[in-house]
Amino acid sequence: VDVPYYCYHPKLTVVGNCRMCLIEMGMPAVDPATKVP
């Protein structure tokens, strides 16, 4: 999968200038009280 970018470089620090590499992100849901999935 190609995620486009401009400012990112694997040998430099991350700054997030260009905003070209936007993605949707999610995490598995768990019950806040019981921690059950």
Full PDB file with SEQRES, HELIX, SHEET, SSBOND, CRYST1, ORIGX, SCALE, CONECT and MASTER records, all heavy atoms in Angstrom:
SEQRES   1 A   37  VAL ASP VAL PRO TYR TYR CYS TYR HIS PRO LYS LEU THR          
SEQRES   2 A   37  VAL VAL GLY ASN CYS ARG MET CYS LEU ILE GLU MET GLY          
SEQRES   3 A   37  MET PRO ALA VAL ASP PRO ALA THR LYS VAL PRO                  
CRYST1    1.000    1.000    1.000  90.00  90.00  90.00 P 1           1          
ORIGX1      1.000000  0.000000  0.000000        0.00000                         
ORIGX2      0.000000  1.000000  0.000000        0.00000                         
ORIGX3      0.000000  0.000000  1.000000        0.00000                         
SCALE1      1.000000  0.000000  0.000000        0.00000                         
SCALE2      0.000000  1.000000  0.000000        0.00000                         
SCALE3      0.000000  0.000000  1.000000        0.00000                         
ATOM      1  N   VAL A   1       0.842  -1.188   0.000  1.00  0.00           N  
ATOM      2  CA  VAL A   1       0.000   0.000   0.000  1.00  0.00           C  
ATOM      3  C   VAL A   1       0.879   1.240   0.000  1.00  0.00           C  
ATOM      4  O   VAL A   1       1.771   1.378   0.843  1.00  0.00           O  
ATOM      5  CB  VAL A   1      -0.941   0.014   1.228  1.00  0.00           C  
ATOM      6  CG1 VAL A   1      -1.711   1.332   1.306  1.00  0.00           C  
ATOM      7  CG2 VAL A   1      -1.904  -1.163   1.165  1.00  0.00           C  
ATOM      8  N   ASP A   2       0.644   2.142  -0.932  1.00  0.00           N  
ATOM      9  CA  ASP A   2       1.414   3.375  -1.031  1.00  0.00           C  
ATOM     10  C   ASP A   2       0.702   4.482  -0.276  1.00  0.00           C  
ATOM     11  O   ASP A   2      -0.425   4.850  -0.613  1.00  0.00           O  
ATOM     12  CB  ASP A   2       1.592   3.771  -2.492  1.00  0.00           C  
ATOM     13  CG  ASP A   2       2.308   5.113  -2.636  1.00  0.00           C  
ATOM     14  OD1 ASP A   2       3.350   5.289  -1.972  1.00  0.00           O  
ATOM     15  OD2 ASP A   2       1.827   5.972  -3.396  1.00  0.00           O  
ATOM     16  N   VAL A   3       1.356   5.004   0.750  1.00  0.00           N  
ATOM     17  CA  VAL A   3       0.855   6.172   1.462  1.00  0.00           C  
ATOM     18  C   VAL A   3       1.707   7.355   0.995  1.00  0.00           C  
ATOM     19  O   VAL A   3       2.898   7.414   1.293  1.00  0.00           O  
ATOM     20  CB  VAL A   3       0.955   6.006   2.989  1.00  0.00           C  
ATOM     21  CG1 VAL A   3       0.515   7.284   3.694  1.00  0.00           C  
ATOM     22  CG2 VAL A   3       0.108   4.826   3.455  1.00  0.00           C  
ATOM     23  N   PRO A   4       1.140   8.299   0.266  1.00  0.00           N  
ATOM     24  CA  PRO A   4       1.946   9.403  -0.284  1.00  0.00           C  
ATOM     25  C   PRO A   4       2.443  10.336   0.817  1.00  0.00           C  
ATOM     26  O   PRO A   4       1.799  10.495   1.856  1.00  0.00           O  
ATOM     27  CB  PRO A   4       0.972  10.116  -1.211  1.00  0.00           C  
ATOM     28  CG  PRO A   4      -0.386   9.817  -0.646  1.00  0.00           C  
ATOM     29  CD  PRO A   4      -0.289   8.420  -0.092  1.00  0.00           C  
ATOM     30  N   TYR A   5       3.575  10.969   0.584  1.00  0.00           N  
ATOM     31  CA  TYR A   5       4.134  11.903   1.560  1.00  0.00           C  
ATOM     32  C   TYR A   5       5.134  12.808   0.860  1.00  0.00           C  
ATOM     33  O   TYR A   5       5.612  12.518  -0.241  1.00  0.00           O  
ATOM     34  CB  TYR A   5       4.819  11.151   2.708  1.00  0.00           C  
ATOM     35  CG  TYR A   5       5.948  10.249   2.268  1.00  0.00           C  
ATOM     36  CD1 TYR A   5       7.253  10.722   2.134  1.00  0.00           C  
ATOM     37  CD2 TYR A   5       5.719   8.900   1.972  1.00  0.00           C  
ATOM     38  CE1 TYR A   5       8.288   9.904   1.715  1.00  0.00           C  
ATOM     39  CE2 TYR A   5       6.750   8.072   1.547  1.00  0.00           C  
ATOM     40  CZ  TYR A   5       8.025   8.575   1.426  1.00  0.00           C  
ATOM     41  OH  TYR A   5       9.052   7.766   1.004  1.00  0.00           O  
ATOM     42  N   TYR A   6       5.475  13.901   1.524  1.00  0.00           N  
ATOM     43  CA  TYR A   6       6.516  14.815   1.065  1.00  0.00           C  
ATOM     44  C   TYR A   6       7.567  15.062   2.150  1.00  0.00           C  
ATOM     45  O   TYR A   6       8.760  14.973   1.910  1.00  0.00           O  
ATOM     46  CB  TYR A   6       5.923  16.168   0.636  1.00  0.00           C  
ATOM     47  CG  TYR A   6       5.056  16.092  -0.585  1.00  0.00           C  
ATOM     48  CD1 TYR A   6       3.675  16.287  -0.490  1.00  0.00           C  
ATOM     49  CD2 TYR A   6       5.589  15.832  -1.841  1.00  0.00           C  
ATOM     50  CE1 TYR A   6       2.865  16.218  -1.616  1.00  0.00           C  
ATOM     51  CE2 TYR A   6       4.784  15.759  -2.963  1.00  0.00           C  
ATOM     52  CZ  TYR A   6       3.427  15.954  -2.845  1.00  0.00           C  
ATOM     53  OH  TYR A   6       2.632  15.884  -3.952  1.00  0.00           O  
ATOM     54  N   CYS A   7       7.127  15.413   3.338  1.00  0.00           N  
ATOM     55  CA  CYS A   7       8.079  15.843   4.360  1.00  0.00           C  
ATOM     56  C   CYS A   7       8.738  14.671   5.076  1.00  0.00           C  
ATOM     57  O   CYS A   7       9.831  14.807   5.617  1.00  0.00           O  
ATOM     58  CB  CYS A   7       7.399  16.763   5.378  1.00  0.00           C  
ATOM     59  SG  CYS A   7       6.137  15.956   6.399  1.00  0.00           S  
ATOM     60  N   TYR A   8       8.094  13.505   5.092  1.00  0.00           N  
ATOM     61  CA  TYR A   8       8.659  12.350   5.789  1.00  0.00           C  
ATOM     62  C   TYR A   8       9.922  11.860   5.087  1.00  0.00           C  
ATOM     63  O   TYR A   8       9.994  11.824   3.855  1.00  0.00           O  
ATOM     64  CB  TYR A   8       7.628  11.221   5.853  1.00  0.00           C  
ATOM     65  CG  TYR A   8       8.201   9.896   6.298  1.00  0.00           C  
ATOM     66  CD1 TYR A   8       8.517   9.673   7.635  1.00  0.00           C  
ATOM     67  CD2 TYR A   8       8.431   8.874   5.379  1.00  0.00           C  
ATOM     68  CE1 TYR A   8       9.054   8.455   8.047  1.00  0.00           C  
ATOM     69  CE2 TYR A   8       8.960   7.661   5.777  1.00  0.00           C  
ATOM     70  CZ  TYR A   8       9.277   7.456   7.113  1.00  0.00           C  
ATOM     71  OH  TYR A   8       9.821   6.265   7.512  1.00  0.00           O  
ATOM     72  N   HIS A   9      10.934  11.503   5.871  1.00  0.00           N  
ATOM     73  CA  HIS A   9      12.129  10.839   5.354  1.00  0.00           C  
ATOM     74  C   HIS A   9      12.569   9.822   6.400  1.00  0.00           C  
ATOM     75  O   HIS A   9      12.619  10.138   7.602  1.00  0.00           O  
ATOM     76  CB  HIS A   9      13.254  11.850   5.094  1.00  0.00           C  
ATOM     77  CG  HIS A   9      14.409  11.267   4.335  1.00  0.00           C  
ATOM     78  ND1 HIS A   9      15.374  10.470   4.927  1.00  0.00           N  
ATOM     79  CD2 HIS A   9      14.743  11.353   3.013  1.00  0.00           C  
ATOM     80  CE1 HIS A   9      16.257  10.098   4.008  1.00  0.00           C  
ATOM     81  NE2 HIS A   9      15.901  10.616   2.849  1.00  0.00           N  
ATOM     82  N   PRO A  10      12.880   8.597   5.992  1.00  0.00           N  
ATOM     83  CA  PRO A  10      13.167   7.543   6.979  1.00  0.00           C  
ATOM     84  C   PRO A  10      14.376   7.818   7.859  1.00  0.00           C  
ATOM     85  O   PRO A  10      14.515   7.198   8.916  1.00  0.00           O  
ATOM     86  CB  PRO A  10      13.383   6.295   6.109  1.00  0.00           C  
ATOM     87  CG  PRO A  10      13.686   6.813   4.737  1.00  0.00           C  
ATOM     88  CD  PRO A  10      12.925   8.089   4.611  1.00  0.00           C  
ATOM     89  N   LYS A  11      15.267   8.727   7.450  1.00  0.00           N  
ATOM     90  CA  LYS A  11      16.472   9.004   8.227  1.00  0.00           C  
ATOM     91  C   LYS A  11      16.417  10.337   8.969  1.00  0.00           C  
ATOM     92  O   LYS A  11      17.418  10.752   9.549  1.00  0.00           O  
ATOM     93  CB  LYS A  11      17.706   8.974   7.316  1.00  0.00           C  
ATOM     94  CG  LYS A  11      17.907   7.650   6.599  1.00  0.00           C  
ATOM     95  CD  LYS A  11      18.063   6.489   7.569  1.00  0.00           C  
ATOM     96  CE  LYS A  11      18.221   5.167   6.826  1.00  0.00           C  
ATOM     97  NZ  LYS A  11      18.343   4.029   7.763  1.00  0.00           N  
ATOM     98  N   LEU A  12      15.267  10.999   8.942  1.00  0.00           N  
ATOM     99  CA  LEU A  12      15.124  12.283   9.621  1.00  0.00           C  
ATOM    100  C   LEU A  12      13.962  12.217  10.610  1.00  0.00           C  
ATOM    101  O   LEU A  12      13.123  11.310  10.545  1.00  0.00           O  
ATOM    102  CB  LEU A  12      14.867  13.395   8.595  1.00  0.00           C  
ATOM    103  CG  LEU A  12      15.928  13.603   7.519  1.00  0.00           C  
ATOM    104  CD1 LEU A  12      15.464  14.647   6.510  1.00  0.00           C  
ATOM    105  CD2 LEU A  12      17.263  14.000   8.140  1.00  0.00           C  
ATOM    106  N   THR A  13      13.921  13.178  11.516  1.00  0.00           N  
ATOM    107  CA  THR A  13      12.832  13.221  12.485  1.00  0.00           C  
ATOM    108  C   THR A  13      11.514  13.522  11.785  1.00  0.00           C  
ATOM    109  O   THR A  13      11.470  14.092  10.699  1.00  0.00           O  
ATOM    110  CB  THR A  13      13.090  14.295  13.552  1.00  0.00           C  
ATOM    111  OG1 THR A  13      13.294  15.551  12.901  1.00  0.00           O  
ATOM    112  CG2 THR A  13      14.296  13.958  14.399  1.00  0.00           C  
ATOM    113  N   VAL A  14      10.429  13.143  12.445  1.00  0.00           N  
ATOM    114  CA  VAL A  14       9.088  13.359  11.907  1.00  0.00           C  
ATOM    115  C   VAL A  14       8.589  14.737  12.336  1.00  0.00           C  
ATOM    116  O   VAL A  14       8.682  15.108  13.506  1.00  0.00           O  
ATOM    117  CB  VAL A  14       8.124  12.267  12.401  1.00  0.00           C  
ATOM    118  CG1 VAL A  14       6.686  12.604  12.033  1.00  0.00           C  
ATOM    119  CG2 VAL A  14       8.523  10.911  11.823  1.00  0.00           C  
ATOM    120  N   VAL A  15       8.073  15.507  11.370  1.00  0.00           N  
ATOM    121  CA  VAL A  15       7.522  16.823  11.695  1.00  0.00           C  
ATOM    122  C   VAL A  15       6.067  16.982  11.269  1.00  0.00           C  
ATOM    123  O   VAL A  15       5.345  17.818  11.808  1.00  0.00           O  
ATOM    124  CB  VAL A  15       8.366  17.953  11.067  1.00  0.00           C  
ATOM    125  CG1 VAL A  15       9.722  18.046  11.711  1.00  0.00           C  
ATOM    126  CG2 VAL A  15       8.479  17.771   9.563  1.00  0.00           C  
ATOM    127  N   GLY A  16       5.619  16.207  10.306  1.00  0.00           N  
ATOM    128  CA  GLY A  16       4.219  16.281   9.892  1.00  0.00           C  
ATOM    129  C   GLY A  16       3.851  17.579   9.207  1.00  0.00           C  
ATOM    130  O   GLY A  16       2.737  18.086   9.376  1.00  0.00           O  
ATOM    131  N   ASN A  17       4.758  18.129   8.398  1.00  0.00           N  
ATOM    132  CA  ASN A  17       4.487  19.409   7.741  1.00  0.00           C  
ATOM    133  C   ASN A  17       3.465  19.312   6.618  1.00  0.00           C  
ATOM    134  O   ASN A  17       2.598  20.167   6.479  1.00  0.00           O  
ATOM    135  CB  ASN A  17       5.782  19.986   7.153  1.00  0.00           C  
ATOM    136  CG  ASN A  17       6.654  20.640   8.197  1.00  0.00           C  
ATOM    137  OD1 ASN A  17       6.373  20.569   9.376  1.00  0.00           O  
ATOM    138  ND2 ASN A  17       7.726  21.275   7.753  1.00  0.00           N  
ATOM    139  N   CYS A  18       3.578  18.292   5.786  1.00  0.00           N  
ATOM    140  CA  CYS A  18       2.871  18.326   4.505  1.00  0.00           C  
ATOM    141  C   CYS A  18       1.427  17.852   4.595  1.00  0.00           C  
ATOM    142  O   CYS A  18       0.610  18.223   3.751  1.00  0.00           O  
ATOM    143  CB  CYS A  18       3.635  17.514   3.457  1.00  0.00           C  
ATOM    144  SG  CYS A  18       3.609  15.723   3.720  1.00  0.00           S  
ATOM    145  N   ARG A  19       1.101  16.988   5.554  1.00  0.00           N  
ATOM    146  CA  ARG A  19      -0.247  16.444   5.773  1.00  0.00           C  
ATOM    147  C   ARG A  19      -0.715  15.581   4.598  1.00  0.00           C  
ATOM    148  O   ARG A  19      -1.907  15.313   4.463  1.00  0.00           O  
ATOM    149  CB  ARG A  19      -1.274  17.542   6.028  1.00  0.00           C  
ATOM    150  CG  ARG A  19      -0.821  18.695   6.884  1.00  0.00           C  
ATOM    151  CD  ARG A  19      -0.235  18.258   8.211  1.00  0.00           C  
ATOM    152  NE  ARG A  19      -1.208  17.769   9.162  1.00  0.00           N  
ATOM    153  CZ  ARG A  19      -0.908  17.366  10.397  1.00  0.00           C  
ATOM    154  NH1 ARG A  19       0.355  17.377  10.797  1.00  0.00           N  
ATOM    155  NH2 ARG A  19      -1.834  16.923  11.215  1.00  0.00           N  
ATOM    156  N   MET A  20       0.199  15.132   3.774  1.00  0.00           N  
ATOM    157  CA  MET A  20      -0.187  14.322   2.619  1.00  0.00           C  
ATOM    158  C   MET A  20      -0.437  12.865   3.011  1.00  0.00           C  
ATOM    159  O   MET A  20      -1.147  12.152   2.315  1.00  0.00           O  
ATOM    160  CB  MET A  20       0.909  14.402   1.554  1.00  0.00           C  
ATOM    161  CG  MET A  20       0.539  13.810   0.210  1.00  0.00           C  
ATOM    162  SD  MET A  20      -0.776  14.735  -0.579  1.00  0.00           S  
ATOM    163  CE  MET A  20      -1.138  13.701  -1.988  1.00  0.00           C  
ATOM    164  N   CYS A  21       0.140  12.429   4.124  1.00  0.00           N  
ATOM    165  CA  CYS A  21       0.076  11.009   4.489  1.00  0.00           C  
ATOM    166  C   CYS A  21      -1.092  10.704   5.427  1.00  0.00           C  
ATOM    167  O   CYS A  21      -1.004   9.787   6.253  1.00  0.00           O  
ATOM    168  CB  CYS A  21       1.396  10.576   5.128  1.00  0.00           C  
ATOM    169  SG  CYS A  21       1.782  11.438   6.672  1.00  0.00           S  
ATOM    170  N   LEU A  22      -2.182  11.444   5.312  1.00  0.00           N  
ATOM    171  CA  LEU A  22      -3.324  11.247   6.207  1.00  0.00           C  
ATOM    172  C   LEU A  22      -3.936   9.857   6.038  1.00  0.00           C  
ATOM    173  O   LEU A  22      -4.058   9.336   4.923  1.00  0.00           O  
ATOM    174  CB  LEU A  22      -4.378  12.324   5.936  1.00  0.00           C  
ATOM    175  CG  LEU A  22      -3.987  13.742   6.358  1.00  0.00           C  
ATOM    176  CD1 LEU A  22      -4.995  14.743   5.832  1.00  0.00           C  
ATOM    177  CD2 LEU A  22      -3.873  13.840   7.879  1.00  0.00           C  
ATOM    178  N   ILE A  23      -4.317   9.270   7.154  1.00  0.00           N  
ATOM    179  CA  ILE A  23      -4.938   7.947   7.193  1.00  0.00           C  
ATOM    180  C   ILE A  23      -6.065   7.971   8.213  1.00  0.00           C  
ATOM    181  O   ILE A  23      -6.139   8.848   9.074  1.00  0.00           O  
ATOM    182  CB  ILE A  23      -3.919   6.857   7.594  1.00  0.00           C  
ATOM    183  CG1 ILE A  23      -3.307   7.196   8.968  1.00  0.00           C  
ATOM    184  CG2 ILE A  23      -2.851   6.677   6.524  1.00  0.00           C  
ATOM    185  CD1 ILE A  23      -2.436   6.114   9.550  1.00  0.00           C  
ATOM    186  N   GLU A  24      -6.951   7.011   8.119  1.00  0.00           N  
ATOM    187  CA  GLU A  24      -7.944   6.791   9.172  1.00  0.00           C  
ATOM    188  C   GLU A  24      -7.388   5.741  10.128  1.00  0.00           C  
ATOM    189  O   GLU A  24      -6.791   4.749   9.697  1.00  0.00           O  
ATOM    190  CB  GLU A  24      -9.270   6.320   8.587  1.00  0.00           C  
ATOM    191  CG  GLU A  24     -10.089   7.417   7.945  1.00  0.00           C  
ATOM    192  CD  GLU A  24     -11.520   6.975   7.701  1.00  0.00           C  
ATOM    193  OE1 GLU A  24     -12.250   6.723   8.689  1.00  0.00           O  
ATOM    194  OE2 GLU A  24     -11.905   6.880   6.523  1.00  0.00           O  
ATOM    195  N   MET A  25      -7.575   5.963  11.412  1.00  0.00           N  
ATOM    196  CA  MET A  25      -6.992   5.080  12.413  1.00  0.00           C  
ATOM    197  C   MET A  25      -8.053   4.668  13.428  1.00  0.00           C  
ATOM    198  O   MET A  25      -8.912   5.481  13.818  1.00  0.00           O  
ATOM    199  CB  MET A  25      -5.840   5.792  13.123  1.00  0.00           C  
ATOM    200  CG  MET A  25      -5.056   4.911  14.084  1.00  0.00           C  
ATOM    201  SD  MET A  25      -3.680   5.802  14.829  1.00  0.00           S  
ATOM    202  CE  MET A  25      -4.534   6.787  16.051  1.00  0.00           C  
ATOM    203  N   GLY A  26      -7.999   3.412  13.846  1.00  0.00           N  
ATOM    204  CA  GLY A  26      -8.925   2.918  14.857  1.00  0.00           C  
ATOM    205  C   GLY A  26      -8.273   1.856  15.720  1.00  0.00           C  
ATOM    206  O   GLY A  26      -7.255   1.271  15.343  1.00  0.00           O  
ATOM    207  N   MET A  27      -8.874   1.633  16.893  1.00  0.00           N  
ATOM    208  CA  MET A  27      -8.375   0.615  17.817  1.00  0.00           C  
ATOM    209  C   MET A  27      -9.514  -0.307  18.216  1.00  0.00           C  
ATOM    210  O   MET A  27     -10.688   0.104  18.240  1.00  0.00           O  
ATOM    211  CB  MET A  27      -7.783   1.271  19.064  1.00  0.00           C  
ATOM    212  CG  MET A  27      -6.515   2.062  18.819  1.00  0.00           C  
ATOM    213  SD  MET A  27      -5.127   1.040  18.285  1.00  0.00           S  
ATOM    214  CE  MET A  27      -4.778   0.115  19.792  1.00  0.00           C  
ATOM    215  N   PRO A  28      -9.204  -1.577  18.527  1.00  0.00           N  
ATOM    216  CA  PRO A  28     -10.254  -2.502  18.968  1.00  0.00           C  
ATOM    217  C   PRO A  28     -10.975  -1.962  20.204  1.00  0.00           C  
ATOM    218  O   PRO A  28     -10.352  -1.456  21.135  1.00  0.00           O  
ATOM    219  CB  PRO A  28      -9.479  -3.793  19.280  1.00  0.00           C  
ATOM    220  CG  PRO A  28      -8.225  -3.682  18.468  1.00  0.00           C  
ATOM    221  CD  PRO A  28      -7.890  -2.230  18.437  1.00  0.00           C  
ATOM    222  N   ALA A  29     -12.302  -2.055  20.182  1.00  0.00           N  
ATOM    223  CA  ALA A  29     -13.110  -1.511  21.275  1.00  0.00           C  
ATOM    224  C   ALA A  29     -13.150  -2.485  22.454  1.00  0.00           C  
ATOM    225  O   ALA A  29     -13.259  -3.699  22.268  1.00  0.00           O  
ATOM    226  CB  ALA A  29     -14.525  -1.234  20.786  1.00  0.00           C  
ATOM    227  N   VAL A  30     -13.052  -1.936  23.667  1.00  0.00           N  
ATOM    228  CA  VAL A  30     -13.196  -2.721  24.893  1.00  0.00           C  
ATOM    229  C   VAL A  30     -14.128  -1.974  25.836  1.00  0.00           C  
ATOM    230  O   VAL A  30     -14.246  -0.742  25.780  1.00  0.00           O  
ATOM    231  CB  VAL A  30     -11.842  -2.968  25.582  1.00  0.00           C  
ATOM    232  CG1 VAL A  30     -10.936  -3.830  24.731  1.00  0.00           C  
ATOM    233  CG2 VAL A  30     -11.168  -1.660  25.938  1.00  0.00           C  
ATOM    234  N   ASP A  31     -14.829  -2.715  26.665  1.00  0.00           N  
ATOM    235  CA  ASP A  31     -15.702  -2.097  27.650  1.00  0.00           C  
ATOM    236  C   ASP A  31     -14.862  -1.353  28.680  1.00  0.00           C  
ATOM    237  O   ASP A  31     -13.936  -1.944  29.254  1.00  0.00           O  
ATOM    238  CB  ASP A  31     -16.549  -3.170  28.350  1.00  0.00           C  
ATOM    239  CG  ASP A  31     -17.589  -2.567  29.275  1.00  0.00           C  
ATOM    240  OD1 ASP A  31     -17.203  -2.217  30.417  1.00  0.00           O  
ATOM    241  OD2 ASP A  31     -18.737  -2.416  28.853  1.00  0.00           O  
ATOM    242  N   PRO A  32     -15.112  -0.053  28.898  1.00  0.00           N  
ATOM    243  CA  PRO A  32     -14.267   0.714  29.826  1.00  0.00           C  
ATOM    244  C   PRO A  32     -14.242   0.160  31.241  1.00  0.00           C  
ATOM    245  O   PRO A  32     -13.234   0.278  31.938  1.00  0.00           O  
ATOM    246  CB  PRO A  32     -14.895   2.114  29.807  1.00  0.00           C  
ATOM    247  CG  PRO A  32     -15.706   2.165  28.557  1.00  0.00           C  
ATOM    248  CD  PRO A  32     -16.155   0.780  28.283  1.00  0.00           C  
ATOM    249  N   ALA A  33     -15.333  -0.450  31.634  1.00  0.00           N  
ATOM    250  CA  ALA A  33     -15.413  -0.929  33.020  1.00  0.00           C  
ATOM    251  C   ALA A  33     -14.801  -2.310  33.179  1.00  0.00           C  
ATOM    252  O   ALA A  33     -13.997  -2.556  34.078  1.00  0.00           O  
ATOM    253  CB  ALA A  33     -16.866  -0.921  33.483  1.00  0.00           C  
ATOM    254  N   THR A  34     -15.179  -3.216  32.280  1.00  0.00           N  
ATOM    255  CA  THR A  34     -14.749  -4.615  32.446  1.00  0.00           C  
ATOM    256  C   THR A  34     -13.520  -4.973  31.608  1.00  0.00           C  
ATOM    257  O   THR A  34     -12.933  -6.032  31.801  1.00  0.00           O  
ATOM    258  CB  THR A  34     -15.896  -5.554  32.044  1.00  0.00           C  
ATOM    259  OG1 THR A  34     -16.180  -5.369  30.642  1.00  0.00           O  
ATOM    260  CG2 THR A  34     -17.157  -5.256  32.862  1.00  0.00           C  
ATOM    261  N   LYS A  35     -13.163  -4.106  30.653  1.00  0.00           N  
ATOM    262  CA  LYS A  35     -12.045  -4.363  29.729  1.00  0.00           C  
ATOM    263  C   LYS A  35     -12.294  -5.564  28.821  1.00  0.00           C  
ATOM    264  O   LYS A  35     -11.371  -6.115  28.225  1.00  0.00           O  
ATOM    265  CB  LYS A  35     -10.727  -4.562  30.488  1.00  0.00           C  
ATOM    266  CG  LYS A  35     -10.382  -3.443  31.460  1.00  0.00           C  
ATOM    267  CD  LYS A  35     -10.267  -2.104  30.756  1.00  0.00           C  
ATOM    268  CE  LYS A  35      -9.908  -0.984  31.728  1.00  0.00           C  
ATOM    269  NZ  LYS A  35      -9.878   0.352  31.086  1.00  0.00           N  
ATOM    270  N   VAL A  36     -13.571  -5.954  28.729  1.00  0.00           N  
ATOM    271  CA  VAL A  36     -13.927  -7.067  27.846  1.00  0.00           C  
ATOM    272  C   VAL A  36     -14.097  -6.539  26.429  1.00  0.00           C  
ATOM    273  O   VAL A  36     -14.704  -5.473  26.232  1.00  0.00           O  
ATOM    274  CB  VAL A  36     -15.242  -7.729  28.330  1.00  0.00           C  
ATOM    275  CG1 VAL A  36     -15.698  -8.813  27.351  1.00  0.00           C  
ATOM    276  CG2 VAL A  36     -15.055  -8.320  29.717  1.00  0.00           C  
ATOM    277  N   PRO A  37     -13.580  -7.245  25.429  1.00  0.00           N  
ATOM    278  CA  PRO A  37     -13.745  -6.789  24.054  1.00  0.00           C  
ATOM    279  C   PRO A  37     -15.208  -6.625  23.678  1.00  0.00           C  
ATOM    280  O   PRO A  37     -16.060  -7.441  24.043  1.00  0.00           O  
ATOM    281  CB  PRO A  37     -13.077  -7.901  23.226  1.00  0.00           C  
ATOM    282  CG  PRO A  37     -12.107  -8.536  24.168  1.00  0.00           C  
ATOM    283  CD  PRO A  37     -12.744  -8.460  25.518  1.00  0.00           C  
TER     284      PRO A  37                                                      
MASTER        0    0    0    0    0    0    0    6  283    1    0    3          
END                                                                             
